[in-house]
Amino acid sequence: MERNNLYPIFLKTSQLEVLIVGGGYVAEEKLHFLTKSSPDAKVTMVAPMFREATLDIAKQFNVTIVEDEYNANYLYGKHMVVATTDVPEVNLRIYKDCRKLHILVNVADNPPLCDFYMGGIVTKGHVKVAISTNGKSPTTAKRLRQFFEEVLPEDISKMVQNLNEFRKTIKGDFEEKVDKMNKITQKLVEKA
């Protein structure tokens, strides 16, 4: 049976350099979802032209805009790249350049040329849930995101904060603390 073998991680994008190559609708969509989840992300965008709406988002989130054709020099110092151009040869060149430099790359709508996918994300304060369909169905990820936005309570962040404060008061070694926290949070998964 086929399964999703992706390893989910939560990146501190304020400490990484992200490059988006492209200035069209797909670039705008990727920028929107990146900044929605990580408003403090350090992003540079390179393209010969940009949509007005893309420039509006970029200005709001202090994104560096470079009006130019892609070349490999723009990869210098980058940790992660998203290629969104409508020219397959340019996207392939970006992918190959990133692989040579060991930079994580996502070529939009081309799963074989992706080291990572940008899945659905639900954020409620301190709680963040990421959803992946292994690149098979972004629409399913979107619907699951909408579902979790509805079922996760608005005050879940307050609960997490309270548990964090309580965790600081627990005495004992690591194992004892984990055991106490497991007992306290067990009620979260018990069926009524």
Protein backbone atom coordinates (compact mmCIF):
# COMPACT_ATOMS: atom_id res chain seq x y z
CA MET A 1 0.00 0.00 0.00
CA GLU A 2 1.32 3.43 -0.94
CA ARG A 3 1.81 5.91 1.90
CA ASN A 4 3.07 9.42 2.59
CA ASN A 5 6.73 9.14 3.61
CA LEU A 6 7.36 12.88 3.86
CA TYR A 7 8.90 14.14 7.08
CA PRO A 8 7.06 17.22 8.39
CA ILE A 9 9.10 20.00 9.94
CA PHE A 10 8.31 23.55 11.05
CA LEU A 11 10.91 25.97 9.74
CA LYS A 12 11.94 29.21 11.44
CA THR A 13 11.75 31.19 8.22
CA SER A 14 12.78 34.37 10.01
CA GLN A 15 16.22 32.74 10.34
CA LEU A 16 16.39 31.41 6.78
CA GLU A 17 16.73 33.07 3.39
CA VAL A 18 13.89 32.12 1.03
CA LEU A 19 13.93 32.85 -2.71
CA ILE A 20 10.83 32.81 -4.90
CA VAL A 21 11.60 32.91 -8.62
CA GLY A 22 8.67 34.27 -10.58
CA GLY A 23 6.30 37.19 -10.37
CA GLY A 24 3.03 35.79 -11.68
CA TYR A 25 -0.06 34.34 -10.08
CA VAL A 26 1.63 31.16 -8.76
CA ALA A 27 4.44 33.20 -7.18
CA GLU A 28 1.82 35.43 -5.59
CA GLU A 29 -0.03 32.40 -4.21
CA LYS A 30 3.17 30.90 -2.76
CA LEU A 31 4.14 34.25 -1.22
CA HIS A 32 0.66 34.71 0.23
CA PHE A 33 0.61 31.33 1.96
CA LEU A 34 4.21 31.67 3.16
CA THR A 35 3.61 35.09 4.71
CA LYS A 36 0.21 34.07 6.09
CA SER A 37 1.89 31.29 8.05
CA SER A 38 5.21 33.06 8.68
CA PRO A 39 4.77 36.84 8.48
CA ASP A 40 8.39 37.34 9.58
CA ALA A 41 9.86 35.17 6.78
CA LYS A 42 12.93 36.57 5.03
CA VAL A 43 11.95 36.44 1.36
CA THR A 44 13.49 37.65 -1.89
CA MET A 45 11.59 37.46 -5.18
CA VAL A 46 13.26 37.55 -8.60
CA ALA A 47 11.35 38.00 -11.87
CA PRO A 48 11.42 40.27 -14.91
CA MET A 49 7.92 41.49 -13.97
CA PHE A 50 5.52 41.27 -11.03
CA ARG A 51 1.75 41.41 -10.66
CA GLU A 52 0.52 44.45 -8.75
CA ALA A 53 -1.11 42.27 -6.10
CA THR A 54 2.19 40.43 -5.62
CA LEU A 55 3.98 43.74 -5.10
CA ASP A 56 1.33 44.76 -2.56
CA ILE A 57 1.91 41.59 -0.51
CA ALA A 58 5.68 41.99 -0.86
CA LYS A 59 5.55 45.55 0.45
CA GLN A 60 3.38 44.52 3.41
CA PHE A 61 5.88 41.81 4.47
CA ASN A 62 9.19 43.52 3.63
CA VAL A 63 9.96 41.16 0.76
CA THR A 64 12.97 42.11 -1.34
CA ILE A 65 11.93 42.54 -4.98
CA VAL A 66 14.47 42.11 -7.79
CA GLU A 67 13.30 42.81 -11.34
CA ASP A 68 15.61 40.58 -13.36
CA GLU A 69 15.83 37.27 -15.19
CA TYR A 70 16.84 34.30 -13.04
CA ASN A 71 20.50 33.40 -12.82
CA ALA A 72 22.30 31.12 -10.37
CA ASN A 73 23.91 34.08 -8.57
CA TYR A 74 20.56 34.71 -6.89
CA LEU A 75 20.93 31.40 -5.04
CA TYR A 76 23.89 32.68 -3.04
CA GLY A 77 23.07 32.57 0.68
CA LYS A 78 19.62 31.03 0.14
CA HIS A 79 18.36 28.07 2.13
CA MET A 80 15.13 27.37 0.28
CA VAL A 81 13.89 28.18 -3.22
CA VAL A 82 10.45 28.09 -4.80
CA ALA A 83 10.42 28.15 -8.61
CA THR A 84 7.15 29.43 -10.09
CA THR A 85 8.01 30.57 -13.60
CA ASP A 86 5.86 29.58 -16.57
CA VAL A 87 8.99 28.47 -18.49
CA PRO A 88 9.70 24.76 -17.82
CA GLU A 89 13.34 25.07 -18.93
CA VAL A 90 13.98 27.85 -16.40
CA ASN A 91 12.30 25.86 -13.62
CA LEU A 92 14.44 22.82 -14.51
CA ARG A 93 17.60 24.97 -14.47
CA ILE A 94 16.62 26.34 -11.04
CA TYR A 95 16.08 22.79 -9.78
CA LYS A 96 19.47 21.60 -11.08
CA ASP A 97 21.28 24.68 -9.73
CA CYS A 98 19.71 24.13 -6.29
CA ARG A 99 20.60 20.42 -6.26
CA LYS A 100 24.27 21.26 -7.02
CA LEU A 101 24.34 23.71 -4.11
CA HIS A 102 22.33 21.51 -1.70
CA ILE A 103 19.54 24.08 -1.45
CA LEU A 104 16.00 22.83 -0.80
CA VAL A 105 13.81 23.51 -3.83
CA ASN A 106 10.15 23.35 -4.77
CA VAL A 107 9.18 23.65 -8.42
CA ALA A 108 5.50 24.54 -8.36
CA ASP A 109 3.18 21.93 -9.86
CA ASN A 110 6.06 19.56 -10.63
CA PRO A 111 6.37 17.00 -7.77
CA PRO A 112 9.41 15.16 -9.22
CA LEU A 113 11.33 18.47 -8.99
CA CYS A 114 10.45 19.13 -5.34
CA ASP A 115 12.41 18.48 -2.16
CA PHE A 116 9.39 19.69 -0.20
CA TYR A 117 5.74 20.58 -0.67
CA MET A 118 3.91 23.56 0.75
CA GLY A 119 0.84 21.89 2.24
CA GLY A 120 -2.29 23.15 3.91
CA ILE A 121 -1.73 24.96 7.21
CA VAL A 122 -4.07 25.77 10.08
CA THR A 123 -2.89 28.27 12.71
CA LYS A 124 -4.67 29.05 15.96
CA GLY A 125 -2.26 31.05 18.12
CA HIS A 126 0.51 28.72 19.29
CA VAL A 127 -1.04 25.69 17.57
CA LYS A 128 -0.18 24.96 13.96
CA VAL A 129 -1.34 21.91 11.99
CA ALA A 130 0.25 21.12 8.63
CA ILE A 131 -1.50 18.90 6.08
CA SER A 132 0.13 16.99 3.26
CA THR A 133 -1.37 14.79 0.56
CA ASN A 134 2.09 13.81 -0.71
CA GLY A 135 1.65 16.22 -3.61
CA LYS A 136 -1.28 14.16 -4.92
CA SER A 137 -4.24 16.44 -4.17
CA PRO A 138 -3.84 20.07 -3.09
CA THR A 139 -7.64 20.37 -3.14
CA THR A 140 -7.95 17.65 -0.49
CA ALA A 141 -5.36 19.46 1.65
CA LYS A 142 -7.40 22.65 1.27
CA ARG A 143 -10.62 20.91 2.40
CA LEU A 144 -8.87 19.30 5.36
CA ARG A 145 -7.46 22.72 6.30
CA GLN A 146 -10.98 24.16 6.24
CA PHE A 147 -12.21 21.25 8.40
CA PHE A 148 -9.50 21.74 11.05
CA GLU A 149 -10.06 25.50 11.07
CA GLU A 150 -13.65 24.75 12.09
CA VAL A 151 -13.05 22.00 14.66
CA LEU A 152 -10.04 23.41 16.52
CA PRO A 153 -11.37 25.68 19.27
CA GLU A 154 -10.39 29.35 19.13
CA ASP A 155 -9.06 29.19 22.70
CA ILE A 156 -6.71 26.24 22.04
CA SER A 157 -3.75 28.62 22.17
CA LYS A 158 -4.71 29.68 25.71
CA MET A 159 -4.84 26.01 26.74
CA VAL A 160 -1.36 25.46 25.30
CA GLN A 161 -0.03 28.52 27.12
CA ASN A 162 -1.56 27.31 30.41
CA LEU A 163 -0.05 23.85 29.96
CA ASN A 164 3.32 25.44 29.25
CA GLU A 165 3.11 27.43 32.51
CA PHE A 166 2.09 24.29 34.41
CA ARG A 167 4.94 22.29 32.84
CA LYS A 168 7.43 24.79 34.29
CA THR A 169 6.19 23.99 37.84
CA ILE A 170 6.56 20.20 37.59
CA LYS A 171 9.39 18.74 39.66
CA GLY A 172 11.34 15.62 38.83
CA ASP A 173 13.47 14.29 35.99
CA PHE A 174 12.50 14.41 32.31
CA GLU A 175 10.68 11.06 32.43
CA GLU A 176 8.57 12.09 35.42
CA LYS A 177 7.65 15.40 33.78
CA VAL A 178 6.61 13.66 30.56
CA ASP A 179 4.53 11.16 32.53
CA LYS A 180 2.71 13.96 34.43
CA MET A 181 2.06 15.94 31.25
CA ASN A 182 0.75 12.80 29.50
CA LYS A 183 -1.70 12.18 32.34
CA ILE A 184 -2.94 15.78 32.31
CA THR A 185 -3.41 15.93 28.54
CA GLN A 186 -4.97 12.45 28.21
CA LYS A 187 -8.42 14.04 28.44
CA LEU A 188 -7.79 15.78 25.10
CA VAL A 189 -8.02 12.46 23.24
CA GLU A 190 -10.57 10.59 25.35
CA LYS A 191 -13.89 9.96 23.67
CA ALA A 192 -16.94 11.26 25.49
